[in-house]
Amino acid sequence: MKERVLFIGTNNAARTQMAEGYLRARYGDRYEVCSAGIAPTALDPMAVRVMAEIGIDISGQRAKDLGLFDGKEMDYVIALCSGGVCPMFPWAKETIRVDFPDPARVTGPKDRVLSAYRRSRDAIIDWIDGGIAKRKVAGATAQAR
């Protein structure tokens, strides 16, 4: 049986979508993965773009409201909310809080913004490959490169 993972964020637009797409593409044989937001907006086109750069298509994913998962048991709930905004989840066997920089907050020239999305993507990938994929998830904190 696959372990269930829910990535949560504020808008479920960029970081959570990249994490969902990567975990599914790379480790989908071991994990059933989804993502949701406290105040979902729309899938961020820049997140789609930077994931496509590494051969992962997340264009079919959509932002989902966290309420859709109320009471659904998860093995891991991974909160990617900035500043500890995300609530606790009693239905999760383990809740993990990881702080990745929000690329959507970066302003300026397109190259600068795109670079921020790539840094977030790469930090998420590094954390997944070195953390949940190896079952070393407790007390994790992410740092951007």
C-alpha atoms as a PDB file:
ATOM      1  CA  MET A   1       0.000   0.000   0.000  1.00  0.00           C
ATOM      2  CA  LYS A   2       1.305   3.438  -0.925  1.00  0.00           C
ATOM      3  CA  GLU A   3       1.870   6.011   1.779  1.00  0.00           C
ATOM      4  CA  ARG A   4      -0.303   9.116   1.433  1.00  0.00           C
ATOM      5  CA  VAL A   5       1.313  12.552   1.309  1.00  0.00           C
ATOM      6  CA  LEU A   6      -0.452  15.915   1.319  1.00  0.00           C
ATOM      7  CA  PHE A   7       1.546  19.083   0.626  1.00  0.00           C
ATOM      8  CA  ILE A   8      -0.209  22.183   1.911  1.00  0.00           C
ATOM      9  CA  GLY A   9       0.420  25.859   1.387  1.00  0.00           C
ATOM     10  CA  THR A  10      -1.368  29.140   1.419  1.00  0.00           C
ATOM     11  CA  ASN A  11      -2.448  29.303  -2.229  1.00  0.00           C
ATOM     12  CA  ASN A  12      -1.514  25.861  -3.604  1.00  0.00           C
ATOM     13  CA  ALA A  13      -0.115  27.668  -6.626  1.00  0.00           C
ATOM     14  CA  ALA A  14       3.656  27.141  -6.853  1.00  0.00           C
ATOM     15  CA  ARG A  15       5.723  25.377  -4.152  1.00  0.00           C
ATOM     16  CA  THR A  16       3.102  22.803  -3.218  1.00  0.00           C
ATOM     17  CA  GLN A  17       2.372  22.137  -6.881  1.00  0.00           C
ATOM     18  CA  MET A  18       6.062  21.640  -7.674  1.00  0.00           C
ATOM     19  CA  ALA A  19       6.417  19.305  -4.685  1.00  0.00           C
ATOM     20  CA  GLU A  20       3.329  17.311  -5.676  1.00  0.00           C
ATOM     21  CA  GLY A  21       4.468  16.999  -9.281  1.00  0.00           C
ATOM     22  CA  TYR A  22       8.008  15.978  -8.413  1.00  0.00           C
ATOM     23  CA  LEU A  23       7.091  13.435  -5.742  1.00  0.00           C
ATOM     24  CA  ARG A  24       4.522  11.851  -8.055  1.00  0.00           C
ATOM     25  CA  ALA A  25       6.886  11.760 -11.056  1.00  0.00           C
ATOM     26  CA  ARG A  26       9.906  10.460  -9.162  1.00  0.00           C
ATOM     27  CA  TYR A  27       8.402   8.359  -6.361  1.00  0.00           C
ATOM     28  CA  GLY A  28       4.828   7.702  -7.482  1.00  0.00           C
ATOM     29  CA  ASP A  29       5.376   3.979  -7.090  1.00  0.00           C
ATOM     30  CA  ARG A  30       5.707   4.521  -3.308  1.00  0.00           C
ATOM     31  CA  TYR A  31       3.509   7.530  -2.596  1.00  0.00           C
ATOM     32  CA  GLU A  32      -0.016   8.687  -3.317  1.00  0.00           C
ATOM     33  CA  VAL A  33       0.478  12.448  -3.418  1.00  0.00           C
ATOM     34  CA  CYS A  34      -1.729  15.522  -3.543  1.00  0.00           C
ATOM     35  CA  SER A  35      -1.593  19.167  -2.548  1.00  0.00           C
ATOM     36  CA  ALA A  36      -3.990  21.805  -1.271  1.00  0.00           C
ATOM     37  CA  GLY A  37      -4.154  25.380  -0.054  1.00  0.00           C
ATOM     38  CA  ILE A  38      -5.759  27.365   2.726  1.00  0.00           C
ATOM     39  CA  ALA A  39      -6.828  30.001   0.176  1.00  0.00           C
ATOM     40  CA  PRO A  40      -6.254  28.336  -3.207  1.00  0.00           C
ATOM     41  CA  THR A  41      -5.803  30.494  -6.271  1.00  0.00           C
ATOM     42  CA  ALA A  42      -4.639  29.079  -9.594  1.00  0.00           C
ATOM     43  CA  LEU A  43      -1.675  27.045 -10.748  1.00  0.00           C
ATOM     44  CA  ASP A  44       1.269  29.416 -11.196  1.00  0.00           C
ATOM     45  CA  PRO A  45       2.494  29.424 -14.831  1.00  0.00           C
ATOM     46  CA  MET A  46       6.077  30.004 -13.684  1.00  0.00           C
ATOM     47  CA  ALA A  47       5.911  26.826 -11.590  1.00  0.00           C
ATOM     48  CA  VAL A  48       4.668  24.954 -14.662  1.00  0.00           C
ATOM     49  CA  ARG A  49       7.536  26.390 -16.695  1.00  0.00           C
ATOM     50  CA  VAL A  50      10.359  25.504 -14.300  1.00  0.00           C
ATOM     51  CA  MET A  51       9.034  21.988 -13.798  1.00  0.00           C
ATOM     52  CA  ALA A  52       8.819  21.519 -17.577  1.00  0.00           C
ATOM     53  CA  GLU A  53      12.507  22.459 -17.736  1.00  0.00           C
ATOM     54  CA  ILE A  54      13.287  19.239 -15.855  1.00  0.00           C
ATOM     55  CA  GLY A  55      10.819  17.132 -17.823  1.00  0.00           C
ATOM     56  CA  ILE A  56       7.902  17.130 -15.379  1.00  0.00           C
ATOM     57  CA  ASP A  57       4.533  18.316 -16.673  1.00  0.00           C
ATOM     58  CA  ILE A  58       2.346  19.777 -13.939  1.00  0.00           C
ATOM     59  CA  SER A  59       0.100  21.736 -16.302  1.00  0.00           C
ATOM     60  CA  GLY A  60      -2.812  19.373 -15.604  1.00  0.00           C
ATOM     61  CA  GLN A  61      -2.672  19.919 -11.851  1.00  0.00           C
ATOM     62  CA  ARG A  62      -5.086  22.342 -10.224  1.00  0.00           C
ATOM     63  CA  ALA A  63      -5.225  24.285  -6.989  1.00  0.00           C
ATOM     64  CA  LYS A  64      -7.408  22.555  -4.404  1.00  0.00           C
ATOM     65  CA  ASP A  65      -8.985  23.742  -1.175  1.00  0.00           C
ATOM     66  CA  LEU A  66      -7.642  22.187   2.000  1.00  0.00           C
ATOM     67  CA  GLY A  67     -11.232  21.487   3.086  1.00  0.00           C
ATOM     68  CA  LEU A  68     -11.398  18.695   0.499  1.00  0.00           C
ATOM     69  CA  PHE A  69      -9.053  16.695   2.711  1.00  0.00           C
ATOM     70  CA  ASP A  70     -10.733  17.248   6.098  1.00  0.00           C
ATOM     71  CA  GLY A  71     -10.761  13.985   7.996  1.00  0.00           C
ATOM     72  CA  LYS A  72      -8.887  12.041   5.303  1.00  0.00           C
ATOM     73  CA  GLU A  73      -6.070  10.108   6.896  1.00  0.00           C
ATOM     74  CA  MET A  74      -2.614  10.928   5.569  1.00  0.00           C
ATOM     75  CA  ASP A  75       0.719   9.392   6.410  1.00  0.00           C
ATOM     76  CA  TYR A  76       2.453  12.740   5.964  1.00  0.00           C
ATOM     77  CA  VAL A  77       1.107  16.273   5.826  1.00  0.00           C
ATOM     78  CA  ILE A  78       3.909  18.553   4.706  1.00  0.00           C
ATOM     79  CA  ALA A  79       3.228  22.221   5.384  1.00  0.00           C
ATOM     80  CA  LEU A  80       5.067  24.583   3.070  1.00  0.00           C
ATOM     81  CA  CYS A  81       3.318  27.693   4.407  1.00  0.00           C
ATOM     82  CA  SER A  82       5.439  30.761   5.008  1.00  0.00           C
ATOM     83  CA  GLY A  83       5.703  31.983   8.559  1.00  0.00           C
ATOM     84  CA  GLY A  84       3.917  29.052  10.197  1.00  0.00           C
ATOM     85  CA  VAL A  85       0.479  30.018   8.847  1.00  0.00           C
ATOM     86  CA  CYS A  86      -0.652  26.425   8.224  1.00  0.00           C
ATOM     87  CA  PRO A  87      -2.748  24.701  10.895  1.00  0.00           C
ATOM     88  CA  MET A  88      -2.107  21.337  12.541  1.00  0.00           C
ATOM     89  CA  PHE A  89      -3.705  18.176  11.153  1.00  0.00           C
ATOM     90  CA  PRO A  90      -5.008  15.583  13.608  1.00  0.00           C
ATOM     91  CA  TRP A  91      -5.714  13.106  10.803  1.00  0.00           C
ATOM     92  CA  ALA A  92      -2.022  13.002   9.757  1.00  0.00           C
ATOM     93  CA  LYS A  93       0.267  10.346  11.167  1.00  0.00           C
ATOM     94  CA  GLU A  94       3.080  12.877  10.879  1.00  0.00           C
ATOM     95  CA  THR A  95       3.025  16.622  10.192  1.00  0.00           C
ATOM     96  CA  ILE A  96       6.189  18.196   8.845  1.00  0.00           C
ATOM     97  CA  ARG A  97       6.779  21.922   8.458  1.00  0.00           C
ATOM     98  CA  VAL A  98       9.300  22.988   5.847  1.00  0.00           C
ATOM     99  CA  ASP A  99      10.027  26.604   4.977  1.00  0.00           C
ATOM    100  CA  PHE A 100      10.938  27.113   1.341  1.00  0.00           C
ATOM    101  CA  PRO A 101      11.274  30.672   0.039  1.00  0.00           C
ATOM    102  CA  ASP A 102       8.156  31.774  -1.842  1.00  0.00           C
ATOM    103  CA  PRO A 103       9.238  32.571  -5.415  1.00  0.00           C
ATOM    104  CA  ALA A 104       5.978  34.430  -6.065  1.00  0.00           C
ATOM    105  CA  ARG A 105       7.176  37.179  -3.726  1.00  0.00           C
ATOM    106  CA  VAL A 106      10.199  37.975  -5.886  1.00  0.00           C
ATOM    107  CA  THR A 107       9.828  41.026  -8.101  1.00  0.00           C
ATOM    108  CA  GLY A 108      11.943  42.581 -10.797  1.00  0.00           C
ATOM    109  CA  PRO A 109      13.149  41.479 -14.207  1.00  0.00           C
ATOM    110  CA  LYS A 110      11.777  38.228 -15.591  1.00  0.00           C
ATOM    111  CA  ASP A 111      15.175  36.516 -15.320  1.00  0.00           C
ATOM    112  CA  ARG A 112      15.369  37.346 -11.602  1.00  0.00           C
ATOM    113  CA  VAL A 113      11.867  35.983 -10.983  1.00  0.00           C
ATOM    114  CA  LEU A 114      12.534  32.851 -13.039  1.00  0.00           C
ATOM    115  CA  SER A 115      15.739  32.273 -11.087  1.00  0.00           C
ATOM    116  CA  ALA A 116      13.770  32.427  -7.815  1.00  0.00           C
ATOM    117  CA  TYR A 117      11.357  29.767  -9.082  1.00  0.00           C
ATOM    118  CA  ARG A 118      14.272  27.558 -10.095  1.00  0.00           C
ATOM    119  CA  ARG A 119      15.891  27.939  -6.665  1.00  0.00           C
ATOM    120  CA  SER A 120      12.637  26.981  -4.951  1.00  0.00           C
ATOM    121  CA  ARG A 121      12.153  24.027  -7.299  1.00  0.00           C
ATOM    122  CA  ASP A 122      15.690  22.805  -6.692  1.00  0.00           C
ATOM    123  CA  ALA A 123      15.405  23.216  -2.911  1.00  0.00           C
ATOM    124  CA  ILE A 124      12.142  21.240  -2.919  1.00  0.00           C
ATOM    125  CA  ILE A 125      13.688  18.486  -5.032  1.00  0.00           C
ATOM    126  CA  ASP A 126      16.766  18.293  -2.810  1.00  0.00           C
ATOM    127  CA  TRP A 127      14.584  18.090   0.292  1.00  0.00           C
ATOM    128  CA  ILE A 128      12.343  15.386  -1.170  1.00  0.00           C
ATOM    129  CA  ASP A 129      15.283  13.314  -2.434  1.00  0.00           C
ATOM    130  CA  GLY A 130      17.155  13.653   0.846  1.00  0.00           C
ATOM    131  CA  GLY A 131      14.172  13.593   3.175  1.00  0.00           C
ATOM    132  CA  ILE A 132      10.856  11.893   2.600  1.00  0.00           C
ATOM    133  CA  ALA A 133      12.244   9.636  -0.108  1.00  0.00           C
ATOM    134  CA  LYS A 134      14.717   8.292   2.445  1.00  0.00           C
ATOM    135  CA  ARG A 135      12.224   8.487   5.330  1.00  0.00           C
ATOM    136  CA  LYS A 136      14.283  11.100   7.160  1.00  0.00           C
ATOM    137  CA  VAL A 137      11.613  13.710   7.497  1.00  0.00           C
ATOM    138  CA  ALA A 138      11.219  14.656  11.146  1.00  0.00           C
ATOM    139  CA  GLY A 139      12.347  18.141  12.100  1.00  0.00           C
ATOM    140  CA  ALA A 140      13.261  19.120   8.562  1.00  0.00           C
ATOM    141  CA  THR A 141      14.038  22.656   7.540  1.00  0.00           C
ATOM    142  CA  ALA A 142      14.812  23.652   3.975  1.00  0.00           C
ATOM    143  CA  GLN A 143      17.267  26.278   2.865  1.00  0.00           C
ATOM    144  CA  ALA A 144      17.431  27.772  -0.604  1.00  0.00           C
ATOM    145  CA  ARG A 145      20.687  27.364  -2.462  1.00  0.00           C
END
